Amino acid sequence: MAKKGPEGERAAISYLEEKGMKILEKNFRSRRGEIDIIALDGDCLVFVEVKNWSFLGIEALEQALDAKKRHKIIETSKYFLSLHREYRYMVIRFDVVFISPQGLTHLASAFTECV
């Protein structure tokens, strides 16, 4: 069974840390939206959306991360960067960690700001 809410995010964090990422923030919020996890992966700043589903498959991810949701994540990432100028010259990546009954799937570079 898929992990719910905070438990799923903890599983995603553990996975990302095992992959060598350094977690900077969890549940970063702005008036524009929320980013589940912000991490460093070498020279790359990674904004991670975590999706925990107990019954839908990964094929439903496109609807869950529609243009409106991606826009909110991107705008929130810009706000984070405005507060943390030390990361302004880093490569930026938007990942998704998908947790389902079948396990955890990490989609690196799942989307970009360009449409």
PDB file of N, CA and C in Angstrom:
ATOM      1  N   MET A   1       0.836  -1.187   0.000  1.00  0.00           N
ATOM      2  CA  MET A   1       0.000   0.000   0.000  1.00  0.00           C
ATOM      3  C   MET A   1       0.881   1.251   0.000  1.00  0.00           C
ATOM      4  N   ALA A   2       0.457   2.279  -0.697  1.00  0.00           N
ATOM      5  CA  ALA A   2       1.228   3.524  -0.771  1.00  0.00           C
ATOM      6  C   ALA A   2       1.206   4.226   0.583  1.00  0.00           C
ATOM      7  N   LYS A   3       2.273   4.910   0.871  1.00  0.00           N
ATOM      8  CA  LYS A   3       2.379   5.669   2.111  1.00  0.00           C
ATOM      9  C   LYS A   3       1.623   6.974   1.947  1.00  0.00           C
ATOM     10  N   LYS A   4       0.990   7.444   3.008  1.00  0.00           N
ATOM     11  CA  LYS A   4       0.181   8.656   2.951  1.00  0.00           C
ATOM     12  C   LYS A   4       0.925   9.850   3.524  1.00  0.00           C
ATOM     13  N   GLY A   5       0.645  11.031   2.944  1.00  0.00           N
ATOM     14  CA  GLY A   5       1.093  12.314   3.467  1.00  0.00           C
ATOM     15  C   GLY A   5       2.527  12.355   3.943  1.00  0.00           C
ATOM     16  N   PRO A   6       2.701  12.738   5.206  1.00  0.00           N
ATOM     17  CA  PRO A   6       4.053  12.894   5.755  1.00  0.00           C
ATOM     18  C   PRO A   6       4.886  11.609   5.687  1.00  0.00           C
ATOM     19  N   GLU A   7       4.251  10.467   5.820  1.00  0.00           N
ATOM     20  CA  GLU A   7       4.979   9.196   5.752  1.00  0.00           C
ATOM     21  C   GLU A   7       5.573   8.993   4.354  1.00  0.00           C
ATOM     22  N   GLY A   8       4.808   9.343   3.329  1.00  0.00           N
ATOM     23  CA  GLY A   8       5.309   9.248   1.963  1.00  0.00           C
ATOM     24  C   GLY A   8       6.438  10.220   1.716  1.00  0.00           C
ATOM     25  N   GLU A   9       6.314  11.435   2.245  1.00  0.00           N
ATOM     26  CA  GLU A   9       7.387  12.419   2.087  1.00  0.00           C
ATOM     27  C   GLU A   9       8.654  11.969   2.803  1.00  0.00           C
ATOM     28  N   ARG A  10       8.495  11.354   3.971  1.00  0.00           N
ATOM     29  CA  ARG A  10       9.679  10.820   4.676  1.00  0.00           C
ATOM     30  C   ARG A  10      10.348   9.722   3.847  1.00  0.00           C
ATOM     31  N   ALA A  11       9.550   8.876   3.211  1.00  0.00           N
ATOM     32  CA  ALA A  11      10.110   7.820   2.361  1.00  0.00           C
ATOM     33  C   ALA A  11      10.851   8.434   1.178  1.00  0.00           C
ATOM     34  N   ALA A  12      10.281   9.494   0.601  1.00  0.00           N
ATOM     35  CA  ALA A  12      10.929  10.177  -0.524  1.00  0.00           C
ATOM     36  C   ALA A  12      12.245  10.814  -0.077  1.00  0.00           C
ATOM     37  N   ILE A  13      12.240  11.441   1.081  1.00  0.00           N
ATOM     38  CA  ILE A  13      13.460  12.058   1.609  1.00  0.00           C
ATOM     39  C   ILE A  13      14.533  11.005   1.839  1.00  0.00           C
ATOM     40  N   SER A  14      14.170   9.896   2.453  1.00  0.00           N
ATOM     41  CA  SER A  14      15.138   8.814   2.683  1.00  0.00           C
ATOM     42  C   SER A  14      15.731   8.327   1.370  1.00  0.00           C
ATOM     43  N   TYR A  15      14.881   8.148   0.375  1.00  0.00           N
ATOM     44  CA  TYR A  15      15.339   7.707  -0.943  1.00  0.00           C
ATOM     45  C   TYR A  15      16.321   8.714  -1.548  1.00  0.00           C
ATOM     46  N   LEU A  16      15.941   9.994  -1.527  1.00  0.00           N
ATOM     47  CA  LEU A  16      16.798  11.024  -2.121  1.00  0.00           C
ATOM     48  C   LEU A  16      18.131  11.125  -1.378  1.00  0.00           C
ATOM     49  N   GLU A  17      18.096  11.021  -0.067  1.00  0.00           N
ATOM     50  CA  GLU A  17      19.341  11.053   0.712  1.00  0.00           C
ATOM     51  C   GLU A  17      20.226   9.850   0.387  1.00  0.00           C
ATOM     52  N   GLU A  18      19.612   8.684   0.198  1.00  0.00           N
ATOM     53  CA  GLU A  18      20.376   7.488  -0.192  1.00  0.00           C
ATOM     54  C   GLU A  18      21.050   7.693  -1.542  1.00  0.00           C
ATOM     55  N   LYS A  19      20.431   8.492  -2.403  1.00  0.00           N
ATOM     56  CA  LYS A  19      20.994   8.805  -3.718  1.00  0.00           C
ATOM     57  C   LYS A  19      22.056   9.905  -3.638  1.00  0.00           C
ATOM     58  N   GLY A  20      22.329  10.402  -2.428  1.00  0.00           N
ATOM     59  CA  GLY A  20      23.376  11.399  -2.236  1.00  0.00           C
ATOM     60  C   GLY A  20      22.911  12.842  -2.235  1.00  0.00           C
ATOM     61  N   MET A  21      21.611  13.057  -2.286  1.00  0.00           N
ATOM     62  CA  MET A  21      21.106  14.431  -2.253  1.00  0.00           C
ATOM     63  C   MET A  21      21.102  14.964  -0.825  1.00  0.00           C
ATOM     64  N   LYS A  22      21.310  16.270  -0.712  1.00  0.00           N
ATOM     65  CA  LYS A  22      21.248  16.952   0.584  1.00  0.00           C
ATOM     66  C   LYS A  22      19.929  17.713   0.644  1.00  0.00           C
ATOM     67  N   ILE A  23      19.100  17.396   1.631  1.00  0.00           N
ATOM     68  CA  ILE A  23      17.800  18.038   1.772  1.00  0.00           C
ATOM     69  C   ILE A  23      17.991  19.415   2.417  1.00  0.00           C
ATOM     70  N   LEU A  24      17.483  20.446   1.744  1.00  0.00           N
ATOM     71  CA  LEU A  24      17.575  21.818   2.249  1.00  0.00           C
ATOM     72  C   LEU A  24      16.297  22.251   2.961  1.00  0.00           C
ATOM     73  N   GLU A  25      15.150  21.905   2.384  1.00  0.00           N
ATOM     74  CA  GLU A  25      13.855  22.338   2.919  1.00  0.00           C
ATOM     75  C   GLU A  25      12.819  21.247   2.692  1.00  0.00           C
ATOM     76  N   LYS A  26      11.845  21.204   3.604  1.00  0.00           N
ATOM     77  CA  LYS A  26      10.680  20.336   3.451  1.00  0.00           C
ATOM     78  C   LYS A  26       9.442  21.215   3.561  1.00  0.00           C
ATOM     79  N   ASN A  27       8.477  20.977   2.694  1.00  0.00           N
ATOM     80  CA  ASN A  27       7.197  21.706   2.715  1.00  0.00           C
ATOM     81  C   ASN A  27       7.410  23.217   2.722  1.00  0.00           C
ATOM     82  N   PHE A  28       8.191  23.692   1.765  1.00  0.00           N
ATOM     83  CA  PHE A  28       8.435  25.127   1.634  1.00  0.00           C
ATOM     84  C   PHE A  28       7.186  25.775   1.050  1.00  0.00           C
ATOM     85  N   ARG A  29       6.672  26.785   1.752  1.00  0.00           N
ATOM     86  CA  ARG A  29       5.426  27.427   1.333  1.00  0.00           C
ATOM     87  C   ARG A  29       5.625  28.898   1.026  1.00  0.00           C
ATOM     88  N   SER A  30       4.848  29.350   0.067  1.00  0.00           N
ATOM     89  CA  SER A  30       4.718  30.772  -0.227  1.00  0.00           C
ATOM     90  C   SER A  30       3.249  30.993  -0.552  1.00  0.00           C
ATOM     91  N   ARG A  31       2.891  32.239  -0.795  1.00  0.00           N
ATOM     92  CA  ARG A  31       1.482  32.482  -1.161  1.00  0.00           C
ATOM     93  C   ARG A  31       1.175  31.908  -2.538  1.00  0.00           C
ATOM     94  N   ARG A  32       2.209  31.601  -3.295  1.00  0.00           N
ATOM     95  CA  ARG A  32       2.025  31.041  -4.643  1.00  0.00           C
ATOM     96  C   ARG A  32       1.785  29.531  -4.623  1.00  0.00           C
ATOM     97  N   GLY A  33       2.293  28.853  -3.592  1.00  0.00           N
ATOM     98  CA  GLY A  33       2.149  27.403  -3.550  1.00  0.00           C
ATOM     99  C   GLY A  33       3.092  26.759  -2.564  1.00  0.00           C
ATOM    100  N   GLU A  34       3.331  25.476  -2.763  1.00  0.00           N
ATOM    101  CA  GLU A  34       4.186  24.698  -1.873  1.00  0.00           C
ATOM    102  C   GLU A  34       5.077  23.782  -2.696  1.00  0.00           C
ATOM    103  N   ILE A  35       6.286  23.589  -2.177  1.00  0.00           N
ATOM    104  CA  ILE A  35       7.203  22.609  -2.754  1.00  0.00           C
ATOM    105  C   ILE A  35       7.496  21.592  -1.654  1.00  0.00           C
ATOM    106  N   ASP A  36       7.286  20.319  -1.967  1.00  0.00           N
ATOM    107  CA  ASP A  36       7.430  19.276  -0.953  1.00  0.00           C
ATOM    108  C   ASP A  36       8.856  19.165  -0.428  1.00  0.00           C
ATOM    109  N   ILE A  37       9.828  19.127  -1.349  1.00  0.00           N
ATOM    110  CA  ILE A  37      11.229  18.938  -0.954  1.00  0.00           C
ATOM    111  C   ILE A  37      12.109  19.814  -1.844  1.00  0.00           C
ATOM    112  N   ILE A  38      13.085  20.459  -1.226  1.00  0.00           N
ATOM    113  CA  ILE A  38      14.110  21.191  -1.974  1.00  0.00           C
ATOM    114  C   ILE A  38      15.438  20.576  -1.560  1.00  0.00           C
ATOM    115  N   ALA A  39      16.231  20.172  -2.562  1.00  0.00           N
ATOM    116  CA  ALA A  39      17.464  19.442  -2.275  1.00  0.00           C
ATOM    117  C   ALA A  39      18.592  19.875  -3.193  1.00  0.00           C
ATOM    118  N   LEU A  40      19.796  19.556  -2.764  1.00  0.00           N
ATOM    119  CA  LEU A  40      20.977  19.732  -3.609  1.00  0.00           C
ATOM    120  C   LEU A  40      21.392  18.371  -4.133  1.00  0.00           C
ATOM    121  N   ASP A  41      21.629  18.305  -5.430  1.00  0.00           N
ATOM    122  CA  ASP A  41      22.143  17.094  -6.072  1.00  0.00           C
ATOM    123  C   ASP A  41      23.411  17.509  -6.809  1.00  0.00           C
ATOM    124  N   GLY A  42      24.529  17.461  -6.100  1.00  0.00           N
ATOM    125  CA  GLY A  42      25.770  17.966  -6.668  1.00  0.00           C
ATOM    126  C   GLY A  42      25.667  19.458  -6.866  1.00  0.00           C
ATOM    127  N   ASP A  43      25.857  19.902  -8.113  1.00  0.00           N
ATOM    128  CA  ASP A  43      25.777  21.325  -8.445  1.00  0.00           C
ATOM    129  C   ASP A  43      24.381  21.744  -8.908  1.00  0.00           C
ATOM    130  N   CYS A  44      23.395  20.928  -8.637  1.00  0.00           N
ATOM    131  CA  CYS A  44      22.032  21.170  -9.117  1.00  0.00           C
ATOM    132  C   CYS A  44      21.093  21.381  -7.925  1.00  0.00           C
ATOM    133  N   LEU A  45      20.243  22.405  -8.022  1.00  0.00           N
ATOM    134  CA  LEU A  45      19.204  22.644  -7.029  1.00  0.00           C
ATOM    135  C   LEU A  45      17.932  21.978  -7.536  1.00  0.00           C
ATOM    136  N   VAL A  46      17.372  21.088  -6.721  1.00  0.00           N
ATOM    137  CA  VAL A  46      16.246  20.263  -7.166  1.00  0.00           C
ATOM    138  C   VAL A  46      14.999  20.569  -6.341  1.00  0.00           C
ATOM    139  N   PHE A  47      13.917  20.880  -7.053  1.00  0.00           N
ATOM    140  CA  PHE A  47      12.614  21.091  -6.439  1.00  0.00           C
ATOM    141  C   PHE A  47      11.801  19.822  -6.720  1.00  0.00           C
ATOM    142  N   VAL A  48      11.344  19.177  -5.643  1.00  0.00           N
ATOM    143  CA  VAL A  48      10.732  17.853  -5.776  1.00  0.00           C
ATOM    144  C   VAL A  48       9.267  17.878  -5.349  1.00  0.00           C
ATOM    145  N   GLU A  49       8.417  17.393  -6.220  1.00  0.00           N
ATOM    146  CA  GLU A  49       7.000  17.183  -5.924  1.00  0.00           C
ATOM    147  C   GLU A  49       6.827  15.705  -5.590  1.00  0.00           C
ATOM    148  N   VAL A  50       6.169  15.407  -4.462  1.00  0.00           N
ATOM    149  CA  VAL A  50       5.922  14.028  -4.053  1.00  0.00           C
ATOM    150  C   VAL A  50       4.451  13.723  -4.268  1.00  0.00           C
ATOM    151  N   LYS A  51       4.174  12.633  -4.957  1.00  0.00           N
ATOM    152  CA  LYS A  51       2.805  12.182  -5.177  1.00  0.00           C
ATOM    153  C   LYS A  51       2.656  10.795  -4.554  1.00  0.00           C
ATOM    154  N   ASN A  52       1.710  10.682  -3.612  1.00  0.00           N
ATOM    155  CA  ASN A  52       1.418   9.406  -2.943  1.00  0.00           C
ATOM    156  C   ASN A  52       0.036   8.948  -3.373  1.00  0.00           C
ATOM    157  N   TRP A  53      -0.028   7.855  -4.086  1.00  0.00           N
ATOM    158  CA  TRP A  53      -1.325   7.348  -4.525  1.00  0.00           C
ATOM    159  C   TRP A  53      -1.458   5.881  -4.179  1.00  0.00           C
ATOM    160  N   SER A  54      -2.588   5.549  -3.576  1.00  0.00           N
ATOM    161  CA  SER A  54      -2.801   4.149  -3.207  1.00  0.00           C
ATOM    162  C   SER A  54      -3.532   3.371  -4.287  1.00  0.00           C
ATOM    163  N   PHE A  55      -4.156   4.082  -5.244  1.00  0.00           N
ATOM    164  CA  PHE A  55      -4.933   3.340  -6.250  1.00  0.00           C
ATOM    165  C   PHE A  55      -4.672   3.775  -7.683  1.00  0.00           C
ATOM    166  N   LEU A  56      -4.189   4.991  -7.914  1.00  0.00           N
ATOM    167  CA  LEU A  56      -3.918   5.428  -9.282  1.00  0.00           C
ATOM    168  C   LEU A  56      -2.493   5.059  -9.681  1.00  0.00           C
ATOM    169  N   GLY A  57      -2.312   4.785 -10.956  1.00  0.00           N
ATOM    170  CA  GLY A  57      -0.985   4.458 -11.459  1.00  0.00           C
ATOM    171  C   GLY A  57      -0.249   5.687 -11.947  1.00  0.00           C
ATOM    172  N   ILE A  58       0.993   5.487 -12.316  1.00  0.00           N
ATOM    173  CA  ILE A  58       1.844   6.580 -12.765  1.00  0.00           C
ATOM    174  C   ILE A  58       1.286   7.251 -14.024  1.00  0.00           C
ATOM    175  N   GLU A  59       0.457   6.540 -14.780  1.00  0.00           N
ATOM    176  CA  GLU A  59      -0.124   7.117 -15.987  1.00  0.00           C
ATOM    177  C   GLU A  59      -1.049   8.300 -15.670  1.00  0.00           C
ATOM    178  N   ALA A  60      -1.531   8.407 -14.430  1.00  0.00           N
ATOM    179  CA  ALA A  60      -2.396   9.522 -14.026  1.00  0.00           C
ATOM    180  C   ALA A  60      -1.590  10.751 -13.596  1.00  0.00           C
ATOM    181  N   LEU A  61      -0.280  10.622 -13.595  1.00  0.00           N
ATOM    182  CA  LEU A  61       0.576  11.707 -13.125  1.00  0.00           C
ATOM    183  C   LEU A  61       0.445  12.963 -13.973  1.00  0.00           C
ATOM    184  N   GLU A  62       0.242  12.797 -15.266  1.00  0.00           N
ATOM    185  CA  GLU A  62       0.127  13.953 -16.159  1.00  0.00           C
ATOM    186  C   GLU A  62      -1.047  14.849 -15.766  1.00  0.00           C
ATOM    187  N   GLN A  63      -2.158  14.239 -15.360  1.00  0.00           N
ATOM    188  CA  GLN A  63      -3.307  15.037 -14.935  1.00  0.00           C
ATOM    189  C   GLN A  63      -3.059  15.682 -13.573  1.00  0.00           C
ATOM    190  N   ALA A  64      -2.358  14.986 -12.685  1.00  0.00           N
ATOM    191  CA  ALA A  64      -2.093  15.520 -11.351  1.00  0.00           C
ATOM    192  C   ALA A  64      -1.095  16.672 -11.399  1.00  0.00           C
ATOM    193  N   LEU A  65      -0.211  16.656 -12.380  1.00  0.00           N
ATOM    194  CA  LEU A  65       0.777  17.725 -12.544  1.00  0.00           C
ATOM    195  C   LEU A  65       0.463  18.515 -13.805  1.00  0.00           C
ATOM    196  N   ASP A  66      -0.744  19.040 -13.840  1.00  0.00           N
ATOM    197  CA  ASP A  66      -1.161  19.823 -15.001  1.00  0.00           C
ATOM    198  C   ASP A  66      -0.401  21.153 -15.044  1.00  0.00           C
ATOM    199  N   ALA A  67      -0.657  21.942 -16.068  1.00  0.00           N
ATOM    200  CA  ALA A  67       0.070  23.200 -16.259  1.00  0.00           C
ATOM    201  C   ALA A  67      -0.098  24.139 -15.067  1.00  0.00           C
ATOM    202  N   LYS A  68      -1.270  24.167 -14.477  1.00  0.00           N
ATOM    203  CA  LYS A  68      -1.516  25.043 -13.320  1.00  0.00           C
ATOM    204  C   LYS A  68      -0.651  24.630 -12.125  1.00  0.00           C
ATOM    205  N   LYS A  69      -0.584  23.342 -11.836  1.00  0.00           N
ATOM    206  CA  LYS A  69       0.218  22.839 -10.711  1.00  0.00           C
ATOM    207  C   LYS A  69       1.704  23.089 -10.977  1.00  0.00           C
ATOM    208  N   ARG A  70       2.164  22.820 -12.184  1.00  0.00           N
ATOM    209  CA  ARG A  70       3.580  23.063 -12.518  1.00  0.00           C
ATOM    210  C   ARG A  70       3.907  24.540 -12.380  1.00  0.00           C
ATOM    211  N   HIS A  71       2.999  25.409 -12.821  1.00  0.00           N
ATOM    212  CA  HIS A  71       3.211  26.849 -12.712  1.00  0.00           C
ATOM    213  C   HIS A  71       3.359  27.268 -11.240  1.00  0.00           C
ATOM    214  N   LYS A  72       2.533  26.725 -10.362  1.00  0.00           N
ATOM    215  CA  LYS A  72       2.618  27.036  -8.933  1.00  0.00           C
ATOM    216  C   LYS A  72       3.969  26.605  -8.365  1.00  0.00           C
ATOM    217  N   ILE A  73       4.426  25.432  -8.748  1.00  0.00           N
ATOM    218  CA  ILE A  73       5.716  24.941  -8.266  1.00  0.00           C
ATOM    219  C   ILE A  73       6.844  25.842  -8.770  1.00  0.00           C
ATOM    220  N   ILE A  74       6.795  26.204 -10.026  1.00  0.00           N
ATOM    221  CA  ILE A  74       7.830  27.058 -10.619  1.00  0.00           C
ATOM    222  C   ILE A  74       7.831  28.435  -9.958  1.00  0.00           C
ATOM    223  N   GLU A  75       6.664  29.025  -9.759  1.00  0.00           N
ATOM    224  CA  GLU A  75       6.594  30.337  -9.107  1.00  0.00           C
ATOM    225  C   GLU A  75       7.099  30.265  -7.665  1.00  0.00           C
ATOM    226  N   THR A  76       6.784  29.190  -6.964  1.00  0.00           N
ATOM    227  CA  THR A  76       7.274  29.021  -5.595  1.00  0.00           C
ATOM    228  C   THR A  76       8.784  28.832  -5.584  1.00  0.00           C
ATOM    229  N   SER A  77       9.313  28.144  -6.578  1.00  0.00           N
ATOM    230  CA  SER A  77      10.771  27.976  -6.663  1.00  0.00           C
ATOM    231  C   SER A  77      11.459  29.324  -6.888  1.00  0.00           C
ATOM    232  N   LYS A  78      10.836  30.198  -7.681  1.00  0.00           N
ATOM    233  CA  LYS A  78      11.395  31.538  -7.897  1.00  0.00           C
ATOM    234  C   LYS A  78      11.401  32.338  -6.588  1.00  0.00           C
ATOM    235  N   TYR A  79      10.366  32.170  -5.802  1.00  0.00           N
ATOM    236  CA  TYR A  79      10.314  32.852  -4.511  1.00  0.00           C
ATOM    237  C   TYR A  79      11.430  32.329  -3.603  1.00  0.00           C
ATOM    238  N   PHE A  80      11.615  31.006  -3.570  1.00  0.00           N
ATOM    239  CA  PHE A  80      12.700  30.422  -2.781  1.00  0.00           C
ATOM    240  C   PHE A  80      14.043  31.015  -3.206  1.00  0.00           C
ATOM    241  N   LEU A  81      14.261  31.103  -4.506  1.00  0.00           N
ATOM    242  CA  LEU A  81      15.525  31.644  -5.016  1.00  0.00           C
ATOM    243  C   LEU A  81      15.687  33.121  -4.670  1.00  0.00           C
ATOM    244  N   SER A  82      14.590  33.855  -4.591  1.00  0.00           N
ATOM    245  CA  SER A  82      14.697  35.271  -4.211  1.00  0.00           C
ATOM    246  C   SER A  82      15.122  35.414  -2.753  1.00  0.00           C
ATOM    247  N   LEU A  83      14.770  34.432  -1.929  1.00  0.00           N
ATOM    248  CA  LEU A  83      15.160  34.453  -0.516  1.00  0.00           C
ATOM    249  C   LEU A  83      16.558  33.886  -0.292  1.00  0.00           C
ATOM    250  N   HIS A  84      16.979  32.990  -1.167  1.00  0.00           N
ATOM    251  CA  HIS A  84      18.254  32.272  -1.021  1.00  0.00           C
ATOM    252  C   HIS A  84      19.123  32.554  -2.243  1.00  0.00           C
ATOM    253  N   ARG A  85      19.662  33.751  -2.292  1.00  0.00           N
ATOM    254  CA  ARG A  85      20.454  34.200  -3.442  1.00  0.00           C
ATOM    255  C   ARG A  85      21.710  33.360  -3.648  1.00  0.00           C
ATOM    256  N   GLU A  86      22.138  32.629  -2.641  1.00  0.00           N
ATOM    257  CA  GLU A  86      23.348  31.813  -2.784  1.00  0.00           C
ATOM    258  C   GLU A  86      23.180  30.694  -3.821  1.00  0.00           C
ATOM    259  N   TYR A  87      21.949  30.380  -4.192  1.00  0.00           N
ATOM    260  CA  TYR A  87      21.692  29.322  -5.177  1.00  0.00           C
ATOM    261  C   TYR A  87      21.394  29.868  -6.573  1.00  0.00           C
ATOM    262  N   ARG A  88      21.457  31.174  -6.769  1.00  0.00           N
ATOM    263  CA  ARG A  88      20.982  31.793  -8.014  1.00  0.00           C
ATOM    264  C   ARG A  88      21.724  31.355  -9.271  1.00  0.00           C
ATOM    265  N   TYR A  89      22.956  30.881  -9.145  1.00  0.00           N
ATOM    266  CA  TYR A  89      23.715  30.482 -10.338  1.00  0.00           C
ATOM    267  C   TYR A  89      23.720  28.970 -10.556  1.00  0.00           C
ATOM    268  N   MET A  90      22.961  28.259  -9.768  1.00  0.00           N
ATOM    269  CA  MET A  90      22.933  26.802  -9.899  1.00  0.00           C
ATOM    270  C   MET A  90      21.976  26.369 -11.010  1.00  0.00           C
ATOM    271  N   VAL A  91      22.233  25.192 -11.538  1.00  0.00           N
ATOM    272  CA  VAL A  91      21.294  24.557 -12.469  1.00  0.00           C
ATOM    273  C   VAL A  91      20.071  24.156 -11.647  1.00  0.00           C
ATOM    274  N   ILE A  92      18.895  24.388 -12.194  1.00  0.00           N
ATOM    275  CA  ILE A  92      17.633  24.085 -11.515  1.00  0.00           C
ATOM    276  C   ILE A  92      16.983  22.879 -12.191  1.00  0.00           C
ATOM    277  N   ARG A  93      16.417  22.016 -11.349  1.00  0.00           N
ATOM    278  CA  ARG A  93      15.732  20.832 -11.880  1.00  0.00           C
ATOM    279  C   ARG A  93      14.432  20.627 -11.105  1.00  0.00           C
ATOM    280  N   PHE A  94      13.416  20.165 -11.817  1.00  0.00           N
ATOM    281  CA  PHE A  94      12.122  19.859 -11.201  1.00  0.00           C
ATOM    282  C   PHE A  94      11.883  18.352 -11.323  1.00  0.00           C
ATOM    283  N   ASP A  95      11.872  17.678 -10.179  1.00  0.00           N
ATOM    284  CA  ASP A  95      11.690  16.228 -10.134  1.00  0.00           C
ATOM    285  C   ASP A  95      10.331  15.883  -9.536  1.00  0.00           C
ATOM    286  N   VAL A  96       9.915  14.647  -9.770  1.00  0.00           N
ATOM    287  CA  VAL A  96       8.729  14.095  -9.134  1.00  0.00           C
ATOM    288  C   VAL A  96       9.114  12.747  -8.533  1.00  0.00           C
ATOM    289  N   VAL A  97       8.705  12.530  -7.282  1.00  0.00           N
ATOM    290  CA  VAL A  97       8.816  11.214  -6.668  1.00  0.00           C
ATOM    291  C   VAL A  97       7.394  10.694  -6.548  1.00  0.00           C
ATOM    292  N   PHE A  98       7.144   9.579  -7.212  1.00  0.00           N
ATOM    293  CA  PHE A  98       5.821   8.965  -7.268  1.00  0.00           C
ATOM    294  C   PHE A  98       5.841   7.714  -6.398  1.00  0.00           C
ATOM    295  N   ILE A  99       4.937   7.661  -5.401  1.00  0.00           N
ATOM    296  CA  ILE A  99       4.865   6.512  -4.501  1.00  0.00           C
ATOM    297  C   ILE A  99       3.508   5.850  -4.685  1.00  0.00           C
ATOM    298  N   SER A 100       3.555   4.557  -4.977  1.00  0.00           N
ATOM    299  CA  SER A 100       2.328   3.787  -5.209  1.00  0.00           C
ATOM    300  C   SER A 100       2.496   2.421  -4.553  1.00  0.00           C
ATOM    301  N   PRO A 101       1.462   1.594  -4.593  1.00  0.00           N
ATOM    302  CA  PRO A 101       1.606   0.244  -4.038  1.00  0.00           C
ATOM    303  C   PRO A 101       2.735  -0.555  -4.707  1.00  0.00           C
ATOM    304  N   GLN A 102       3.082  -0.185  -5.942  1.00  0.00           N
ATOM    305  CA  GLN A 102       4.151  -0.898  -6.648  1.00  0.00           C
ATOM    306  C   GLN A 102       5.539  -0.439  -6.219  1.00  0.00           C
ATOM    307  N   GLY A 103       5.628   0.668  -5.474  1.00  0.00           N
ATOM    308  CA  GLY A 103       6.924   1.138  -5.008  1.00  0.00           C
ATOM    309  C   GLY A 103       7.136   2.619  -5.283  1.00  0.00           C
ATOM    310  N   LEU A 104       8.391   3.035  -5.247  1.00  0.00           N
ATOM    311  CA  LEU A 104       8.767   4.432  -5.426  1.00  0.00           C
ATOM    312  C   LEU A 104       9.434   4.609  -6.781  1.00  0.00           C
ATOM    313  N   THR A 105       9.008   5.630  -7.512  1.00  0.00           N
ATOM    314  CA  THR A 105       9.598   5.964  -8.809  1.00  0.00           C
ATOM    315  C   THR A 105      10.068   7.408  -8.750  1.00  0.00           C
ATOM    316  N   HIS A 106      11.323   7.633  -9.112  1.00  0.00           N
ATOM    317  CA  HIS A 106      11.900   8.982  -9.129  1.00  0.00           C
ATOM    318  C   HIS A 106      12.033   9.423 -10.574  1.00  0.00           C
ATOM    319  N   LEU A 107      11.320  10.486 -10.929  1.00  0.00           N
ATOM    320  CA  LEU A 107      11.388  11.048 -12.275  1.00  0.00           C
ATOM    321  C   LEU A 107      12.213  12.328 -12.219  1.00  0.00           C
ATOM    322  N   ALA A 108      13.496  12.216 -12.528  1.00  0.00           N
ATOM    323  CA  ALA A 108      14.378  13.387 -12.548  1.00  0.00           C
ATOM    324  C   ALA A 108      14.060  14.217 -13.783  1.00  0.00           C
ATOM    325  N   SER A 109      14.113  15.523 -13.640  1.00  0.00           N
ATOM    326  CA  SER A 109      13.772  16.448 -14.730  1.00  0.00           C
ATOM    327  C   SER A 109      12.396  16.130 -15.315  1.00  0.00           C
ATOM    328  N   ALA A 110      11.421  15.985 -14.439  1.00  0.00           N
ATOM    329  CA  ALA A 110      10.067  15.606 -14.861  1.00  0.00           C
ATOM    330  C   ALA A 110       9.395  16.695 -15.681  1.00  0.00           C
ATOM    331  N   PHE A 111       9.729  17.952 -15.399  1.00  0.00           N
ATOM    332  CA  PHE A 111       9.195  19.062 -16.174  1.00  0.00           C
ATOM    333  C   PHE A 111      10.141  20.241 -16.099  1.00  0.00           C
ATOM    334  N   THR A 112       9.916  21.227 -16.967  1.00  0.00           N
ATOM    335  CA  THR A 112      10.739  22.436 -17.009  1.00  0.00           C
ATOM    336  C   THR A 112       9.825  23.648 -16.998  1.00  0.00           C
ATOM    337  N   GLU A 113      10.435  24.804 -16.889  1.00  0.00           N
ATOM    338  CA  GLU A 113       9.650  26.033 -16.925  1.00  0.00           C
ATOM    339  C   GLU A 113       9.116  26.282 -18.326  1.00  0.00           C
ATOM    340  N   CYS A 114       9.817  25.847 -19.326  1.00  0.00           N
ATOM    341  CA  CYS A 114       9.375  26.031 -20.715  1.00  0.00           C
ATOM    342  C   CYS A 114       8.180  25.124 -20.984  1.00  0.00           C
ATOM    343  N   VAL A 115       7.226  25.642 -21.731  1.00  0.00           N
ATOM    344  CA  VAL A 115       6.050  24.826 -22.076  1.00  0.00           C
ATOM    345  C   VAL A 115       6.018  24.507 -23.544  1.00  0.00           C
TER     346      VAL A 115
END
